[in-house]
């Protein structure tokens, strides 16, 4: 999707700052890595037994990746991976 006005239910949208993003995602359980000036935040949910989000959708895993450059969100992808 290339809609620059798209916004998730948590208010995540292109252009928000990394600091704003961290307050909106509702978790500190993520991985962060920076490479060539781009910071990638990965949220990987895979504990179906203890995760109410996964249980609500009856899905075993959920993956979200967010890319920041110069402190601003430039790309994000999320969803339930399929084999």
PDB file of N, CA and C in Angstrom:
ATOM      1  N   UNK A   1       0.850  -1.169   0.000  1.00  0.00           N
ATOM      2  CA  UNK A   1       0.000   0.000   0.000  1.00  0.00           C
ATOM      3  C   UNK A   1       0.901   1.239   0.000  1.00  0.00           C
ATOM      4  N   UNK A   2       0.550   2.198  -0.767  1.00  0.00           N
ATOM      5  CA  UNK A   2       1.362   3.410  -0.846  1.00  0.00           C
ATOM      6  C   UNK A   2       0.598   4.649  -0.385  1.00  0.00           C
ATOM      7  N   UNK A   3      -0.490   4.468   0.327  1.00  0.00           N
ATOM      8  CA  UNK A   3      -1.299   5.577   0.823  1.00  0.00           C
ATOM      9  C   UNK A   3      -0.566   6.273   1.972  1.00  0.00           C
ATOM     10  N   UNK A   4      -0.086   7.479   1.747  1.00  0.00           N
ATOM     11  CA  UNK A   4       0.672   8.206   2.763  1.00  0.00           C
ATOM     12  C   UNK A   4      -0.199   8.705   3.911  1.00  0.00           C
ATOM     13  N   UNK A   5      -1.508   8.641   3.758  1.00  0.00           N
ATOM     14  CA  UNK A   5      -2.422   9.073   4.813  1.00  0.00           C
ATOM     15  C   UNK A   5      -2.933   7.915   5.662  1.00  0.00           C
ATOM     16  N   UNK A   6      -2.506   6.679   5.334  1.00  0.00           N
ATOM     17  CA  UNK A   6      -2.949   5.522   6.092  1.00  0.00           C
ATOM     18  C   UNK A   6      -2.491   5.648   7.542  1.00  0.00           C
ATOM     19  N   UNK A   7      -3.383   5.299   8.460  1.00  0.00           N
ATOM     20  CA  UNK A   7      -3.087   5.368   9.897  1.00  0.00           C
ATOM     21  C   UNK A   7      -3.654   4.116  10.561  1.00  0.00           C
ATOM     22  N   UNK A   8      -2.837   3.480  11.416  1.00  0.00           N
ATOM     23  CA  UNK A   8      -3.317   2.302  12.135  1.00  0.00           C
ATOM     24  C   UNK A   8      -4.236   2.726  13.278  1.00  0.00           C
ATOM     25  N   UNK A   9      -4.874   1.747  13.908  1.00  0.00           N
ATOM     26  CA  UNK A   9      -5.763   2.061  15.026  1.00  0.00           C
ATOM     27  C   UNK A   9      -5.012   2.654  16.216  1.00  0.00           C
ATOM     28  N   UNK A  10      -3.708   2.482  16.265  1.00  0.00           N
ATOM     29  CA  UNK A  10      -2.888   3.089  17.329  1.00  0.00           C
ATOM     30  C   UNK A  10      -2.301   4.440  16.917  1.00  0.00           C
ATOM     31  N   UNK A  11      -2.638   4.885  15.723  1.00  0.00           N
ATOM     32  CA  UNK A  11      -2.166   6.191  15.270  1.00  0.00           C
ATOM     33  C   UNK A  11      -0.795   6.178  14.614  1.00  0.00           C
ATOM     34  N   UNK A  12      -0.329   5.004  14.218  1.00  0.00           N
ATOM     35  CA  UNK A  12       0.956   4.912  13.529  1.00  0.00           C
ATOM     36  C   UNK A  12       0.741   5.297  12.068  1.00  0.00           C
ATOM     37  N   UNK A  13       1.559   6.219  11.587  1.00  0.00           N
ATOM     38  CA  UNK A  13       1.490   6.635  10.189  1.00  0.00           C
ATOM     39  C   UNK A  13       2.853   7.132   9.747  1.00  0.00           C
ATOM     40  N   UNK A  14       3.054   7.161   8.440  1.00  0.00           N
ATOM     41  CA  UNK A  14       4.317   7.639   7.905  1.00  0.00           C
ATOM     42  C   UNK A  14       4.600   9.048   8.406  1.00  0.00           C
ATOM     43  N   UNK A  15       5.874   9.297   8.728  1.00  0.00           N
ATOM     44  CA  UNK A  15       6.284  10.630   9.137  1.00  0.00           C
ATOM     45  C   UNK A  15       6.336  10.860  10.633  1.00  0.00           C
ATOM     46  N   UNK A  16       5.724   9.958  11.439  1.00  0.00           N
ATOM     47  CA  UNK A  16       5.784  10.191  12.889  1.00  0.00           C
ATOM     48  C   UNK A  16       7.214   9.965  13.375  1.00  0.00           C
ATOM     49  N   UNK A  17       7.532  10.577  14.498  1.00  0.00           N
ATOM     50  CA  UNK A  17       8.879  10.439  15.047  1.00  0.00           C
ATOM     51  C   UNK A  17       9.023   9.107  15.765  1.00  0.00           C
ATOM     52  N   UNK A  18      10.258   8.682  15.929  1.00  0.00           N
ATOM     53  CA  UNK A  18      10.552   7.450  16.650  1.00  0.00           C
ATOM     54  C   UNK A  18      10.051   7.534  18.085  1.00  0.00           C
ATOM     55  N   UNK A  19      10.199   8.685  18.701  1.00  0.00           N
ATOM     56  CA  UNK A  19       9.748   8.868  20.079  1.00  0.00           C
ATOM     57  C   UNK A  19       8.222   8.729  20.183  1.00  0.00           C
ATOM     58  N   UNK A  20       7.496   9.349  19.268  1.00  0.00           N
ATOM     59  CA  UNK A  20       6.036   9.238  19.242  1.00  0.00           C
ATOM     60  C   UNK A  20       5.628   7.797  18.992  1.00  0.00           C
ATOM     61  N   UNK A  21       6.299   7.153  18.075  1.00  0.00           N
ATOM     62  CA  UNK A  21       6.024   5.758  17.772  1.00  0.00           C
ATOM     63  C   UNK A  21       6.118   4.900  19.031  1.00  0.00           C
ATOM     64  N   UNK A  22       7.188   5.072  19.786  1.00  0.00           N
ATOM     65  CA  UNK A  22       7.403   4.249  20.982  1.00  0.00           C
ATOM     66  C   UNK A  22       6.295   4.450  22.011  1.00  0.00           C
ATOM     67  N   UNK A  23       5.720   5.633  22.082  1.00  0.00           N
ATOM     68  CA  UNK A  23       4.619   5.856  23.029  1.00  0.00           C
ATOM     69  C   UNK A  23       3.313   5.246  22.530  1.00  0.00           C
ATOM     70  N   UNK A  24       3.172   5.096  21.222  1.00  0.00           N
ATOM     71  CA  UNK A  24       1.924   4.612  20.644  1.00  0.00           C
ATOM     72  C   UNK A  24       1.843   3.092  20.503  1.00  0.00           C
ATOM     73  N   UNK A  25       2.979   2.399  20.410  1.00  0.00           N
ATOM     74  CA  UNK A  25       2.904   0.966  20.103  1.00  0.00           C
ATOM     75  C   UNK A  25       2.432   0.114  21.269  1.00  0.00           C
ATOM     76  N   UNK A  26       2.537   0.604  22.473  1.00  0.00           N
ATOM     77  CA  UNK A  26       1.987  -0.116  23.609  1.00  0.00           C
ATOM     78  C   UNK A  26       2.820  -1.275  24.111  1.00  0.00           C
ATOM     79  N   UNK A  27       4.062  -1.368  23.684  1.00  0.00           N
ATOM     80  CA  UNK A  27       4.935  -2.434  24.171  1.00  0.00           C
ATOM     81  C   UNK A  27       6.390  -1.969  24.149  1.00  0.00           C
ATOM     82  N   UNK A  28       7.169  -2.562  25.017  1.00  0.00           N
ATOM     83  CA  UNK A  28       8.623  -2.339  24.980  1.00  0.00           C
ATOM     84  C   UNK A  28       9.312  -3.614  24.518  1.00  0.00           C
ATOM     85  N   UNK A  29       8.508  -4.596  24.116  1.00  0.00           N
ATOM     86  CA  UNK A  29       9.024  -5.881  23.665  1.00  0.00           C
ATOM     87  C   UNK A  29       9.250  -5.840  22.154  1.00  0.00           C
ATOM     88  N   UNK A  30      10.352  -5.218  21.741  1.00  0.00           N
ATOM     89  CA  UNK A  30      10.694  -5.131  20.331  1.00  0.00           C
ATOM     90  C   UNK A  30      12.211  -5.167  20.177  1.00  0.00           C
ATOM     91  N   UNK A  31      12.638  -5.448  18.954  1.00  0.00           N
ATOM     92  CA  UNK A  31      14.060  -5.435  18.626  1.00  0.00           C
ATOM     93  C   UNK A  31      14.338  -4.195  17.803  1.00  0.00           C
ATOM     94  N   UNK A  32      15.508  -3.620  18.025  1.00  0.00           N
ATOM     95  CA  UNK A  32      15.896  -2.421  17.290  1.00  0.00           C
ATOM     96  C   UNK A  32      17.303  -2.598  16.742  1.00  0.00           C
ATOM     97  N   UNK A  33      17.471  -2.231  15.484  1.00  0.00           N
ATOM     98  CA  UNK A  33      18.809  -2.246  14.892  1.00  0.00           C
ATOM     99  C   UNK A  33      18.935  -1.088  13.915  1.00  0.00           C
ATOM    100  N   UNK A  34      20.130  -0.530  13.856  1.00  0.00           N
ATOM    101  CA  UNK A  34      20.379   0.586  12.943  1.00  0.00           C
ATOM    102  C   UNK A  34      21.473   0.187  11.962  1.00  0.00           C
ATOM    103  N   UNK A  35      21.199   0.439  10.699  1.00  0.00           N
ATOM    104  CA  UNK A  35      22.139   0.092   9.631  1.00  0.00           C
ATOM    105  C   UNK A  35      22.050   1.159   8.548  1.00  0.00           C
ATOM    106  N   UNK A  36      23.179   1.754   8.208  1.00  0.00           N
ATOM    107  CA  UNK A  36      23.250   2.777   7.155  1.00  0.00           C
ATOM    108  C   UNK A  36      22.267   3.917   7.389  1.00  0.00           C
ATOM    109  N   UNK A  37      22.129   4.338   8.636  1.00  0.00           N
ATOM    110  CA  UNK A  37      21.287   5.471   8.964  1.00  0.00           C
ATOM    111  C   UNK A  37      19.797   5.176   9.064  1.00  0.00           C
ATOM    112  N   UNK A  38      19.423   3.904   8.915  1.00  0.00           N
ATOM    113  CA  UNK A  38      18.013   3.515   9.021  1.00  0.00           C
ATOM    114  C   UNK A  38      17.848   2.623  10.247  1.00  0.00           C
ATOM    115  N   UNK A  39      16.915   3.006  11.109  1.00  0.00           N
ATOM    116  CA  UNK A  39      16.612   2.212  12.298  1.00  0.00           C
ATOM    117  C   UNK A  39      15.397   1.348  12.009  1.00  0.00           C
ATOM    118  N   UNK A  40      15.561   0.045  12.255  1.00  0.00           N
ATOM    119  CA  UNK A  40      14.474  -0.912  12.042  1.00  0.00           C
ATOM    120  C   UNK A  40      13.987  -1.405  13.403  1.00  0.00           C
ATOM    121  N   UNK A  41      12.689  -1.271  13.631  1.00  0.00           N
ATOM    122  CA  UNK A  41      12.046  -1.776  14.836  1.00  0.00           C
ATOM    123  C   UNK A  41      11.212  -2.991  14.423  1.00  0.00           C
ATOM    124  N   UNK A  42      11.436  -4.105  15.084  1.00  0.00           N
ATOM    125  CA  UNK A  42      10.697  -5.334  14.782  1.00  0.00           C
ATOM    126  C   UNK A  42       9.919  -5.781  16.004  1.00  0.00           C
ATOM    127  N   UNK A  43       8.638  -6.037  15.792  1.00  0.00           N
ATOM    128  CA  UNK A  43       7.790  -6.616  16.827  1.00  0.00           C
ATOM    129  C   UNK A  43       7.367  -7.989  16.312  1.00  0.00           C
ATOM    130  N   UNK A  44       7.755  -9.022  17.045  1.00  0.00           N
ATOM    131  CA  UNK A  44       7.477 -10.396  16.644  1.00  0.00           C
ATOM    132  C   UNK A  44       6.739 -11.092  17.782  1.00  0.00           C
ATOM    133  N   UNK A  45       5.456 -11.278  17.601  1.00  0.00           N
ATOM    134  CA  UNK A  45       4.644 -11.952  18.609  1.00  0.00           C
ATOM    135  C   UNK A  45       4.492 -13.412  18.219  1.00  0.00           C
ATOM    136  N   UNK A  46       4.814 -14.323  19.144  1.00  0.00           N
ATOM    137  CA  UNK A  46       4.703 -15.741  18.809  1.00  0.00           C
ATOM    138  C   UNK A  46       4.368 -16.627  20.016  1.00  0.00           C
ATOM    139  N   UNK A  47       3.892 -16.036  21.090  1.00  0.00           N
ATOM    140  CA  UNK A  47       3.529 -16.789  22.289  1.00  0.00           C
ATOM    141  C   UNK A  47       2.002 -16.862  22.393  1.00  0.00           C
ATOM    142  N   UNK A  48       1.416 -17.708  21.550  1.00  0.00           N
ATOM    143  CA  UNK A  48      -0.045 -17.784  21.465  1.00  0.00           C
ATOM    144  C   UNK A  48      -0.694 -18.046  22.823  1.00  0.00           C
ATOM    145  N   UNK A  49      -0.104 -18.904  23.615  1.00  0.00           N
ATOM    146  CA  UNK A  49      -0.691 -19.286  24.903  1.00  0.00           C
ATOM    147  C   UNK A  49      -0.876 -18.095  25.841  1.00  0.00           C
ATOM    148  N   UNK A  50       0.049 -17.120  25.781  1.00  0.00           N
ATOM    149  CA  UNK A  50       0.017 -15.997  26.713  1.00  0.00           C
ATOM    150  C   UNK A  50      -0.278 -14.644  26.075  1.00  0.00           C
ATOM    151  N   UNK A  51      -0.550 -14.617  24.789  1.00  0.00           N
ATOM    152  CA  UNK A  51      -0.747 -13.335  24.103  1.00  0.00           C
ATOM    153  C   UNK A  51      -2.211 -13.162  23.705  1.00  0.00           C
ATOM    154  N   UNK A  52      -2.892 -12.227  24.343  1.00  0.00           N
ATOM    155  CA  UNK A  52      -4.316 -12.010  24.090  1.00  0.00           C
ATOM    156  C   UNK A  52      -4.587 -11.531  22.656  1.00  0.00           C
ATOM    157  N   UNK A  53      -3.655 -10.777  22.069  1.00  0.00           N
ATOM    158  CA  UNK A  53      -3.811 -10.303  20.690  1.00  0.00           C
ATOM    159  C   UNK A  53      -3.859 -11.496  19.736  1.00  0.00           C
ATOM    160  N   UNK A  54      -2.896 -12.409  19.861  1.00  0.00           N
ATOM    161  CA  UNK A  54      -2.870 -13.587  18.993  1.00  0.00           C
ATOM    162  C   UNK A  54      -4.108 -14.448  19.223  1.00  0.00           C
ATOM    163  N   UNK A  55      -4.511 -14.593  20.456  1.00  0.00           N
ATOM    164  CA  UNK A  55      -5.701 -15.387  20.776  1.00  0.00           C
ATOM    165  C   UNK A  55      -6.957 -14.769  20.165  1.00  0.00           C
ATOM    166  N   UNK A  56      -7.049 -13.452  20.206  1.00  0.00           N
ATOM    167  CA  UNK A  56      -8.230 -12.769  19.669  1.00  0.00           C
ATOM    168  C   UNK A  56      -8.411 -13.034  18.176  1.00  0.00           C
ATOM    169  N   UNK A  57      -7.289 -13.144  17.451  1.00  0.00           N
ATOM    170  CA  UNK A  57      -7.341 -13.393  16.013  1.00  0.00           C
ATOM    171  C   UNK A  57      -7.126 -14.862  15.665  1.00  0.00           C
ATOM    172  N   UNK A  58      -6.903 -15.682  16.703  1.00  0.00           N
ATOM    173  CA  UNK A  58      -6.643 -17.111  16.525  1.00  0.00           C
ATOM    174  C   UNK A  58      -5.522 -17.355  15.515  1.00  0.00           C
ATOM    175  N   UNK A  59      -4.438 -16.616  15.692  1.00  0.00           N
ATOM    176  CA  UNK A  59      -3.275 -16.735  14.813  1.00  0.00           C
ATOM    177  C   UNK A  59      -2.044 -17.037  15.663  1.00  0.00           C
ATOM    178  N   UNK A  60      -1.127 -17.873  15.151  1.00  0.00           N
ATOM    179  CA  UNK A  60       0.034 -18.271  15.950  1.00  0.00           C
ATOM    180  C   UNK A  60       1.137 -17.213  16.042  1.00  0.00           C
ATOM    181  N   UNK A  61       1.231 -16.329  15.045  1.00  0.00           N
ATOM    182  CA  UNK A  61       2.297 -15.314  15.050  1.00  0.00           C
ATOM    183  C   UNK A  61       1.808 -14.010  14.409  1.00  0.00           C
ATOM    184  N   UNK A  62       2.527 -12.948  14.734  1.00  0.00           N
ATOM    185  CA  UNK A  62       2.279 -11.628  14.150  1.00  0.00           C
ATOM    186  C   UNK A  62       3.639 -10.950  14.015  1.00  0.00           C
ATOM    187  N   UNK A  63       3.871 -10.297  12.899  1.00  0.00           N
ATOM    188  CA  UNK A  63       5.148  -9.628  12.664  1.00  0.00           C
ATOM    189  C   UNK A  63       4.897  -8.215  12.161  1.00  0.00           C
ATOM    190  N   UNK A  64       5.619  -7.265  12.750  1.00  0.00           N
ATOM    191  CA  UNK A  64       5.543  -5.870  12.296  1.00  0.00           C
ATOM    192  C   UNK A  64       6.959  -5.320  12.211  1.00  0.00           C
ATOM    193  N   UNK A  65       7.255  -4.605  11.126  1.00  0.00           N
ATOM    194  CA  UNK A  65       8.560  -3.981  10.936  1.00  0.00           C
ATOM    195  C   UNK A  65       8.360  -2.515  10.578  1.00  0.00           C
ATOM    196  N   UNK A  66       9.098  -1.669  11.267  1.00  0.00           N
ATOM    197  CA  UNK A  66       8.997  -0.218  11.091  1.00  0.00           C
ATOM    198  C   UNK A  66      10.385   0.327  10.808  1.00  0.00           C
ATOM    199  N   UNK A  67      10.518   1.164   9.790  1.00  0.00           N
ATOM    200  CA  UNK A  67      11.807   1.711   9.383  1.00  0.00           C
ATOM    201  C   UNK A  67      11.814   3.230   9.550  1.00  0.00           C
ATOM    202  N   UNK A  68      12.820   3.731  10.232  1.00  0.00           N
ATOM    203  CA  UNK A  68      12.955   5.151  10.515  1.00  0.00           C
ATOM    204  C   UNK A  68      14.248   5.690   9.918  1.00  0.00           C
ATOM    205  N   UNK A  69      14.158   6.831   9.308  1.00  0.00           N
ATOM    206  CA  UNK A  69      15.344   7.539   8.801  1.00  0.00           C
ATOM    207  C   UNK A  69      15.247   8.982   9.268  1.00  0.00           C
ATOM    208  N   UNK A  70      16.339   9.492   9.795  1.00  0.00           N
ATOM    209  CA  UNK A  70      16.360  10.842  10.362  1.00  0.00           C
ATOM    210  C   UNK A  70      15.263  11.018  11.411  1.00  0.00           C
ATOM    211  N   UNK A  71      14.994   9.938  12.150  1.00  0.00           N
ATOM    212  CA  UNK A  71      14.029  10.004  13.243  1.00  0.00           C
ATOM    213  C   UNK A  71      12.572   9.964  12.834  1.00  0.00           C
ATOM    214  N   UNK A  72      12.290   9.722  11.551  1.00  0.00           N
ATOM    215  CA  UNK A  72      10.904   9.709  11.055  1.00  0.00           C
ATOM    216  C   UNK A  72      10.581   8.371  10.396  1.00  0.00           C
ATOM    217  N   UNK A  73       9.336   7.911  10.590  1.00  0.00           N
ATOM    218  CA  UNK A  73       8.893   6.651  10.003  1.00  0.00           C
ATOM    219  C   UNK A  73       8.766   6.795   8.486  1.00  0.00           C
ATOM    220  N   UNK A  74       9.484   5.924   7.753  1.00  0.00           N
ATOM    221  CA  UNK A  74       9.460   6.006   6.288  1.00  0.00           C
ATOM    222  C   UNK A  74       8.767   4.804   5.639  1.00  0.00           C
ATOM    223  N   UNK A  75       8.775   3.660   6.323  1.00  0.00           N
ATOM    224  CA  UNK A  75       8.146   2.445   5.793  1.00  0.00           C
ATOM    225  C   UNK A  75       7.653   1.620   6.972  1.00  0.00           C
ATOM    226  N   UNK A  76       6.498   0.983   6.822  1.00  0.00           N
ATOM    227  CA  UNK A  76       6.118  -0.023   7.805  1.00  0.00           C
ATOM    228  C   UNK A  76       5.280  -1.116   7.164  1.00  0.00           C
ATOM    229  N   UNK A  77       5.483  -2.324   7.683  1.00  0.00           N
ATOM    230  CA  UNK A  77       4.791  -3.511   7.202  1.00  0.00           C
ATOM    231  C   UNK A  77       4.349  -4.305   8.424  1.00  0.00           C
ATOM    232  N   UNK A  78       3.153  -4.865   8.370  1.00  0.00           N
ATOM    233  CA  UNK A  78       2.682  -5.639   9.509  1.00  0.00           C
ATOM    234  C   UNK A  78       1.645  -6.651   9.074  1.00  0.00           C
ATOM    235  N   UNK A  79       1.505  -7.692   9.866  1.00  0.00           N
ATOM    236  CA  UNK A  79       0.483  -8.671   9.571  1.00  0.00           C
ATOM    237  C   UNK A  79       0.804 -10.047  10.127  1.00  0.00           C
ATOM    238  N   UNK A  80      -0.023 -10.989   9.744  1.00  0.00           N
ATOM    239  CA  UNK A  80       0.123 -12.367  10.174  1.00  0.00           C
ATOM    240  C   UNK A  80       0.835 -13.118   9.042  1.00  0.00           C
ATOM    241  N   UNK A  81       2.083 -13.552   9.298  1.00  0.00           N
ATOM    242  CA  UNK A  81       2.829 -14.263   8.251  1.00  0.00           C
ATOM    243  C   UNK A  81       2.121 -15.547   7.828  1.00  0.00           C
ATOM    244  N   UNK A  82       2.222 -15.847   6.565  1.00  0.00           N
ATOM    245  CA  UNK A  82       1.658 -17.096   6.044  1.00  0.00           C
ATOM    246  C   UNK A  82       2.796 -17.964   5.528  1.00  0.00           C
ATOM    247  N   UNK A  83       2.638 -19.262   5.667  1.00  0.00           N
ATOM    248  CA  UNK A  83       3.734 -20.170   5.220  1.00  0.00           C
ATOM    249  C   UNK A  83       3.899 -20.182   3.730  1.00  0.00           C
TER     250      UNK A  83
END
